[in-house]
Amino acid sequence: MAKLIVIVAVIAAGYWYWSGPYQAGRAPSEAQQLQQNARDMKRCMRREASMNAASGMAGAPVEDGDGETLCAQKYGLVLRDGQWHREGGANVSD
């Protein structure tokens, strides 16, 4: 009888983990995805600014390209309602 209780407990714990934390990690909510998109864009914009500054200090001609457009194309994002959304409306993780 004790083995049966242990087996049921292990199955219940496995089901709880699969239906809760595991699923939450696989499919982020829309709010979490929007936060991730904003972090990606912020990181990319800093990188673009840093590369432009470094090339300017090295004496190379600095092309004043639009870093925001380049980053949005890189990540497949569009600015809508002040937030970065995946093109096509689907906010899915890479």
C-alpha atoms as a PDB file:
ATOM      1  CA  MET A   1       0.000   0.000   0.000  1.00  0.00           C
ATOM      2  CA  ALA A   2       2.891   2.385   0.757  1.00  0.00           C
ATOM      3  CA  LYS A   3       4.325   1.812  -2.739  1.00  0.00           C
ATOM      4  CA  LEU A   4       0.989   2.756  -4.281  1.00  0.00           C
ATOM      5  CA  ILE A   5       0.887   6.008  -2.281  1.00  0.00           C
ATOM      6  CA  VAL A   6       4.436   6.874  -3.381  1.00  0.00           C
ATOM      7  CA  ILE A   7       3.607   6.133  -7.035  1.00  0.00           C
ATOM      8  CA  VAL A   8       0.438   8.246  -6.891  1.00  0.00           C
ATOM      9  CA  ALA A   9       2.369  11.084  -5.227  1.00  0.00           C
ATOM     10  CA  VAL A  10       5.081  10.980  -7.917  1.00  0.00           C
ATOM     11  CA  ILE A  11       2.469  10.976 -10.694  1.00  0.00           C
ATOM     12  CA  ALA A  12       0.584  13.855  -9.053  1.00  0.00           C
ATOM     13  CA  ALA A  13       3.784  15.894  -8.660  1.00  0.00           C
ATOM     14  CA  GLY A  14       4.729  15.207 -12.279  1.00  0.00           C
ATOM     15  CA  TYR A  15       1.295  16.246 -13.500  1.00  0.00           C
ATOM     16  CA  TRP A  16       1.391  19.422 -11.380  1.00  0.00           C
ATOM     17  CA  TYR A  17       4.806  20.366 -12.782  1.00  0.00           C
ATOM     18  CA  TRP A  18       3.807  19.615 -16.378  1.00  0.00           C
ATOM     19  CA  SER A  19       0.536  21.541 -16.199  1.00  0.00           C
ATOM     20  CA  GLY A  20       1.921  24.516 -14.242  1.00  0.00           C
ATOM     21  CA  PRO A  21       5.551  25.678 -14.362  1.00  0.00           C
ATOM     22  CA  TYR A  22       6.539  23.670 -17.454  1.00  0.00           C
ATOM     23  CA  GLN A  23       3.689  24.998 -19.588  1.00  0.00           C
ATOM     24  CA  ALA A  24       4.153  28.542 -18.289  1.00  0.00           C
ATOM     25  CA  GLY A  25       7.800  28.448 -19.375  1.00  0.00           C
ATOM     26  CA  ARG A  26       7.009  27.149 -22.841  1.00  0.00           C
ATOM     27  CA  ALA A  27       4.325  29.651 -23.794  1.00  0.00           C
ATOM     28  CA  PRO A  28       4.931  33.091 -22.307  1.00  0.00           C
ATOM     29  CA  SER A  29       1.945  35.344 -21.804  1.00  0.00           C
ATOM     30  CA  GLU A  30       1.458  38.289 -24.127  1.00  0.00           C
ATOM     31  CA  ALA A  31       2.681  40.704 -21.454  1.00  0.00           C
ATOM     32  CA  GLN A  32       5.842  38.640 -20.907  1.00  0.00           C
ATOM     33  CA  GLN A  33       6.457  38.503 -24.659  1.00  0.00           C
ATOM     34  CA  LEU A  34       6.047  42.274 -24.978  1.00  0.00           C
ATOM     35  CA  GLN A  35       8.574  42.757 -22.153  1.00  0.00           C
ATOM     36  CA  GLN A  36      10.998  40.401 -23.896  1.00  0.00           C
ATOM     37  CA  ASN A  37      10.550  42.283 -27.185  1.00  0.00           C
ATOM     38  CA  ALA A  38      11.288  45.580 -25.407  1.00  0.00           C
ATOM     39  CA  ARG A  39      14.420  44.094 -23.785  1.00  0.00           C
ATOM     40  CA  ASP A  40      15.615  42.758 -27.161  1.00  0.00           C
ATOM     41  CA  MET A  41      15.126  46.151 -28.811  1.00  0.00           C
ATOM     42  CA  LYS A  42      16.832  48.027 -25.963  1.00  0.00           C
ATOM     43  CA  ARG A  43      19.841  45.685 -26.066  1.00  0.00           C
ATOM     44  CA  CYS A  44      20.067  45.947 -29.855  1.00  0.00           C
ATOM     45  CA  MET A  45      19.819  49.753 -29.803  1.00  0.00           C
ATOM     46  CA  ARG A  46      22.639  49.982 -27.230  1.00  0.00           C
ATOM     47  CA  ARG A  47      24.757  47.681 -29.390  1.00  0.00           C
ATOM     48  CA  GLU A  48      24.089  49.801 -32.494  1.00  0.00           C
ATOM     49  CA  ALA A  49      24.967  53.015 -30.651  1.00  0.00           C
ATOM     50  CA  SER A  50      28.129  51.433 -29.279  1.00  0.00           C
ATOM     51  CA  MET A  51      29.232  50.233 -32.713  1.00  0.00           C
ATOM     52  CA  ASN A  52      28.574  53.667 -34.239  1.00  0.00           C
ATOM     53  CA  ALA A  53      30.585  55.349 -31.483  1.00  0.00           C
ATOM     54  CA  ALA A  54      33.453  52.877 -31.845  1.00  0.00           C
ATOM     55  CA  SER A  55      33.656  53.299 -35.597  1.00  0.00           C
ATOM     56  CA  GLY A  56      33.559  57.088 -35.184  1.00  0.00           C
ATOM     57  CA  MET A  57      36.428  56.977 -32.689  1.00  0.00           C
ATOM     58  CA  ALA A  58      38.399  54.765 -35.054  1.00  0.00           C
ATOM     59  CA  GLY A  59      38.126  57.401 -37.764  1.00  0.00           C
ATOM     60  CA  ALA A  60      35.846  55.370 -39.999  1.00  0.00           C
ATOM     61  CA  PRO A  61      33.008  57.218 -41.652  1.00  0.00           C
ATOM     62  CA  VAL A  62      29.940  56.830 -39.452  1.00  0.00           C
ATOM     63  CA  GLU A  63      26.770  56.076 -41.341  1.00  0.00           C
ATOM     64  CA  ASP A  64      23.942  57.662 -39.428  1.00  0.00           C
ATOM     65  CA  GLY A  65      21.560  54.769 -40.087  1.00  0.00           C
ATOM     66  CA  ASP A  66      18.383  54.310 -38.144  1.00  0.00           C
ATOM     67  CA  GLY A  67      19.317  51.787 -35.468  1.00  0.00           C
ATOM     68  CA  GLU A  68      15.695  51.348 -34.423  1.00  0.00           C
ATOM     69  CA  THR A  69      14.702  50.248 -37.934  1.00  0.00           C
ATOM     70  CA  LEU A  70      17.652  47.876 -38.188  1.00  0.00           C
ATOM     71  CA  CYS A  71      16.868  46.287 -34.833  1.00  0.00           C
ATOM     72  CA  ALA A  72      13.159  46.000 -35.609  1.00  0.00           C
ATOM     73  CA  GLN A  73      13.993  44.194 -38.861  1.00  0.00           C
ATOM     74  CA  LYS A  74      16.486  41.946 -37.091  1.00  0.00           C
ATOM     75  CA  TYR A  75      13.919  40.783 -34.536  1.00  0.00           C
ATOM     76  CA  GLY A  76      10.877  40.990 -36.815  1.00  0.00           C
ATOM     77  CA  LEU A  77       9.128  43.588 -34.675  1.00  0.00           C
ATOM     78  CA  VAL A  78       6.785  46.479 -35.380  1.00  0.00           C
ATOM     79  CA  LEU A  79       5.965  49.403 -33.083  1.00  0.00           C
ATOM     80  CA  ARG A  80       2.247  49.415 -32.367  1.00  0.00           C
ATOM     81  CA  ASP A  81       0.505  51.311 -29.546  1.00  0.00           C
ATOM     82  CA  GLY A  82       3.890  52.216 -28.080  1.00  0.00           C
ATOM     83  CA  GLN A  83       4.957  48.566 -27.712  1.00  0.00           C
ATOM     84  CA  TRP A  84       7.032  46.222 -29.847  1.00  0.00           C
ATOM     85  CA  HIS A  85       4.924  43.428 -31.361  1.00  0.00           C
ATOM     86  CA  ARG A  86       5.948  40.555 -33.614  1.00  0.00           C
ATOM     87  CA  GLU A  87       5.138  41.179 -37.268  1.00  0.00           C
ATOM     88  CA  GLY A  88       1.892  39.522 -38.219  1.00  0.00           C
ATOM     89  CA  GLY A  89       0.486  39.972 -34.719  1.00  0.00           C
ATOM     90  CA  ALA A  90       1.816  36.677 -33.322  1.00  0.00           C
ATOM     91  CA  ASN A  91       3.949  37.187 -30.241  1.00  0.00           C
ATOM     92  CA  VAL A  92       5.911  33.993 -30.066  1.00  0.00           C
ATOM     93  CA  SER A  93       9.317  33.335 -28.620  1.00  0.00           C
ATOM     94  CA  ASP A  94      12.307  32.735 -30.893  1.00  0.00           C
END
